[in-house]
């Protein structure tokens, strides 16, 4: 007896041929971002003051796709922020933390490709 079609798994047997029964696919990705930060602040009377912060960081992103093209991306970036910081007794009384805004966020270099 010949089996013509099994609808769930697409199995055909006509003569000697058998079609693919299952297809498996999947992917995984990971991102790692090492960074180095420097901050220059001017605290007045150990309570409040402005600051400038420079952060150099490099996001690494790797993607693995089962039975397809695998990719990577590496960027070298620089972020400059400025703001106000509260410390000492003023911070304890008012419960305020630091406030900052990003002034610039540049990509200095970028590499990407497949493996």
C-alpha atoms as a PDB file:
ATOM      1  CA  UNK A   1       0.000   0.000   0.000  1.00  0.00           C
ATOM      2  CA  UNK A   2       1.444   3.389  -0.984  1.00  0.00           C
ATOM      3  CA  UNK A   3       1.087   6.366   1.339  1.00  0.00           C
ATOM      4  CA  UNK A   4       0.204   9.399  -0.766  1.00  0.00           C
ATOM      5  CA  UNK A   5       0.052  12.276   1.730  1.00  0.00           C
ATOM      6  CA  UNK A   6       0.359  12.739   5.473  1.00  0.00           C
ATOM      7  CA  UNK A   7      -0.797  16.318   5.991  1.00  0.00           C
ATOM      8  CA  UNK A   8       0.902  17.024   9.351  1.00  0.00           C
ATOM      9  CA  UNK A   9       4.472  16.240   8.308  1.00  0.00           C
ATOM     10  CA  UNK A  10       4.301  16.307   4.504  1.00  0.00           C
ATOM     11  CA  UNK A  11       5.424  12.739   4.015  1.00  0.00           C
ATOM     12  CA  UNK A  12       4.982  11.341   0.510  1.00  0.00           C
ATOM     13  CA  UNK A  13       5.868   7.923  -0.692  1.00  0.00           C
ATOM     14  CA  UNK A  14       5.296   7.329  -4.391  1.00  0.00           C
ATOM     15  CA  UNK A  15       7.582   4.631  -5.470  1.00  0.00           C
ATOM     16  CA  UNK A  16      10.890   5.216  -3.644  1.00  0.00           C
ATOM     17  CA  UNK A  17      10.952   8.968  -2.908  1.00  0.00           C
ATOM     18  CA  UNK A  18      10.374  10.532   0.527  1.00  0.00           C
ATOM     19  CA  UNK A  19      10.011  14.298   0.987  1.00  0.00           C
ATOM     20  CA  UNK A  20      11.571  16.254   3.894  1.00  0.00           C
ATOM     21  CA  UNK A  21       9.547  15.594   7.034  1.00  0.00           C
ATOM     22  CA  UNK A  22      10.506  18.504   9.351  1.00  0.00           C
ATOM     23  CA  UNK A  23      12.220  21.879   9.037  1.00  0.00           C
ATOM     24  CA  UNK A  24      14.174  23.263  11.982  1.00  0.00           C
ATOM     25  CA  UNK A  25      15.204  26.895  12.239  1.00  0.00           C
ATOM     26  CA  UNK A  26      16.471  29.163  14.979  1.00  0.00           C
ATOM     27  CA  UNK A  27      18.733  32.060  15.824  1.00  0.00           C
ATOM     28  CA  UNK A  28      20.673  33.512  18.744  1.00  0.00           C
ATOM     29  CA  UNK A  29      22.251  36.900  19.311  1.00  0.00           C
ATOM     30  CA  UNK A  30      24.426  38.512  21.952  1.00  0.00           C
ATOM     31  CA  UNK A  31      25.443  42.114  22.549  1.00  0.00           C
ATOM     32  CA  UNK A  32      28.313  43.175  24.817  1.00  0.00           C
ATOM     33  CA  UNK A  33      29.192  46.825  25.517  1.00  0.00           C
ATOM     34  CA  UNK A  34      32.451  47.574  27.368  1.00  0.00           C
ATOM     35  CA  UNK A  35      32.846  51.233  28.365  1.00  0.00           C
ATOM     36  CA  UNK A  36      35.209  53.704  30.050  1.00  0.00           C
ATOM     37  CA  UNK A  37      33.825  56.848  31.701  1.00  0.00           C
ATOM     38  CA  UNK A  38      35.489  60.027  32.936  1.00  0.00           C
ATOM     39  CA  UNK A  39      33.684  62.779  34.853  1.00  0.00           C
ATOM     40  CA  UNK A  40      34.775  66.304  35.726  1.00  0.00           C
ATOM     41  CA  UNK A  41      32.541  68.005  38.304  1.00  0.00           C
ATOM     42  CA  UNK A  42      32.677  71.260  40.255  1.00  0.00           C
ATOM     43  CA  UNK A  43      30.915  70.741  43.578  1.00  0.00           C
ATOM     44  CA  UNK A  44      30.185  73.965  45.479  1.00  0.00           C
ATOM     45  CA  UNK A  45      30.297  73.681  49.278  1.00  0.00           C
ATOM     46  CA  UNK A  46      29.909  69.894  48.965  1.00  0.00           C
ATOM     47  CA  UNK A  47      26.252  70.279  47.933  1.00  0.00           C
ATOM     48  CA  UNK A  48      25.596  70.970  44.237  1.00  0.00           C
ATOM     49  CA  UNK A  49      27.503  71.604  41.030  1.00  0.00           C
ATOM     50  CA  UNK A  50      27.746  71.081  37.276  1.00  0.00           C
ATOM     51  CA  UNK A  51      29.588  68.222  35.607  1.00  0.00           C
ATOM     52  CA  UNK A  52      30.791  67.086  32.186  1.00  0.00           C
ATOM     53  CA  UNK A  53      31.081  63.375  31.453  1.00  0.00           C
ATOM     54  CA  UNK A  54      32.876  61.634  28.577  1.00  0.00           C
ATOM     55  CA  UNK A  55      32.173  57.968  27.841  1.00  0.00           C
ATOM     56  CA  UNK A  56      34.042  55.859  25.279  1.00  0.00           C
ATOM     57  CA  UNK A  57      32.201  52.624  24.537  1.00  0.00           C
ATOM     58  CA  UNK A  58      32.237  49.794  21.999  1.00  0.00           C
ATOM     59  CA  UNK A  59      29.050  47.770  21.380  1.00  0.00           C
ATOM     60  CA  UNK A  60      29.783  44.270  19.995  1.00  0.00           C
ATOM     61  CA  UNK A  61      26.807  42.429  18.436  1.00  0.00           C
ATOM     62  CA  UNK A  62      26.945  38.844  17.165  1.00  0.00           C
ATOM     63  CA  UNK A  63      24.043  36.976  15.520  1.00  0.00           C
ATOM     64  CA  UNK A  64      24.008  33.250  14.781  1.00  0.00           C
ATOM     65  CA  UNK A  65      21.262  31.953  12.502  1.00  0.00           C
ATOM     66  CA  UNK A  66      20.887  28.208  12.059  1.00  0.00           C
ATOM     67  CA  UNK A  67      21.519  27.283   8.406  1.00  0.00           C
ATOM     68  CA  UNK A  68      21.927  30.910   7.278  1.00  0.00           C
ATOM     69  CA  UNK A  69      24.451  33.754   7.272  1.00  0.00           C
ATOM     70  CA  UNK A  70      25.946  34.745  10.649  1.00  0.00           C
ATOM     71  CA  UNK A  71      26.725  38.430  11.230  1.00  0.00           C
ATOM     72  CA  UNK A  72      28.819  40.618  13.515  1.00  0.00           C
ATOM     73  CA  UNK A  73      28.901  44.343  14.201  1.00  0.00           C
ATOM     74  CA  UNK A  74      31.501  46.322  16.166  1.00  0.00           C
ATOM     75  CA  UNK A  75      31.271  50.071  16.718  1.00  0.00           C
ATOM     76  CA  UNK A  76      33.519  52.503  18.592  1.00  0.00           C
ATOM     77  CA  UNK A  77      31.435  55.351  20.020  1.00  0.00           C
ATOM     78  CA  UNK A  78      31.965  58.510  22.081  1.00  0.00           C
ATOM     79  CA  UNK A  79      29.243  60.129  24.199  1.00  0.00           C
ATOM     80  CA  UNK A  80      29.508  63.548  25.900  1.00  0.00           C
ATOM     81  CA  UNK A  81      27.010  64.452  28.637  1.00  0.00           C
ATOM     82  CA  UNK A  82      26.570  67.436  30.940  1.00  0.00           C
ATOM     83  CA  UNK A  83      24.378  68.065  33.947  1.00  0.00           C
ATOM     84  CA  UNK A  84      24.009  68.887  37.629  1.00  0.00           C
ATOM     85  CA  UNK A  85      24.893  66.687  40.543  1.00  0.00           C
ATOM     86  CA  UNK A  86      23.611  66.942  44.110  1.00  0.00           C
ATOM     87  CA  UNK A  87      25.584  65.586  47.055  1.00  0.00           C
ATOM     88  CA  UNK A  88      26.020  65.815  50.804  1.00  0.00           C
ATOM     89  CA  UNK A  89      23.333  67.199  53.071  1.00  0.00           C
ATOM     90  CA  UNK A  90      21.338  68.776  50.188  1.00  0.00           C
ATOM     91  CA  UNK A  91      20.965  65.394  48.520  1.00  0.00           C
ATOM     92  CA  UNK A  92      19.823  63.778  51.777  1.00  0.00           C
ATOM     93  CA  UNK A  93      17.249  66.482  52.532  1.00  0.00           C
ATOM     94  CA  UNK A  94      15.783  66.915  49.038  1.00  0.00           C
ATOM     95  CA  UNK A  95      16.346  63.349  47.843  1.00  0.00           C
ATOM     96  CA  UNK A  96      17.719  64.512  44.506  1.00  0.00           C
ATOM     97  CA  UNK A  97      20.165  62.620  42.323  1.00  0.00           C
ATOM     98  CA  UNK A  98      22.164  63.682  39.302  1.00  0.00           C
ATOM     99  CA  UNK A  99      20.466  65.210  36.268  1.00  0.00           C
ATOM    100  CA  UNK A 100      22.170  64.893  32.876  1.00  0.00           C
ATOM    101  CA  UNK A 101      21.619  65.458  29.171  1.00  0.00           C
ATOM    102  CA  UNK A 102      23.510  63.922  26.267  1.00  0.00           C
ATOM    103  CA  UNK A 103      25.223  66.652  24.242  1.00  0.00           C
ATOM    104  CA  UNK A 104      26.750  64.413  21.566  1.00  0.00           C
ATOM    105  CA  UNK A 105      26.857  60.716  20.697  1.00  0.00           C
ATOM    106  CA  UNK A 106      29.278  60.022  17.843  1.00  0.00           C
ATOM    107  CA  UNK A 107      30.251  56.818  16.060  1.00  0.00           C
ATOM    108  CA  UNK A 108      34.027  57.014  15.590  1.00  0.00           C
ATOM    109  CA  UNK A 109      34.487  53.731  13.702  1.00  0.00           C
ATOM    110  CA  UNK A 110      32.285  50.854  12.582  1.00  0.00           C
ATOM    111  CA  UNK A 111      32.977  47.310  11.376  1.00  0.00           C
ATOM    112  CA  UNK A 112      30.466  44.688  10.274  1.00  0.00           C
ATOM    113  CA  UNK A 113      30.404  41.541   8.234  1.00  0.00           C
ATOM    114  CA  UNK A 114      29.533  37.869   8.045  1.00  0.00           C
ATOM    115  CA  UNK A 115      31.220  34.732   9.367  1.00  0.00           C
END
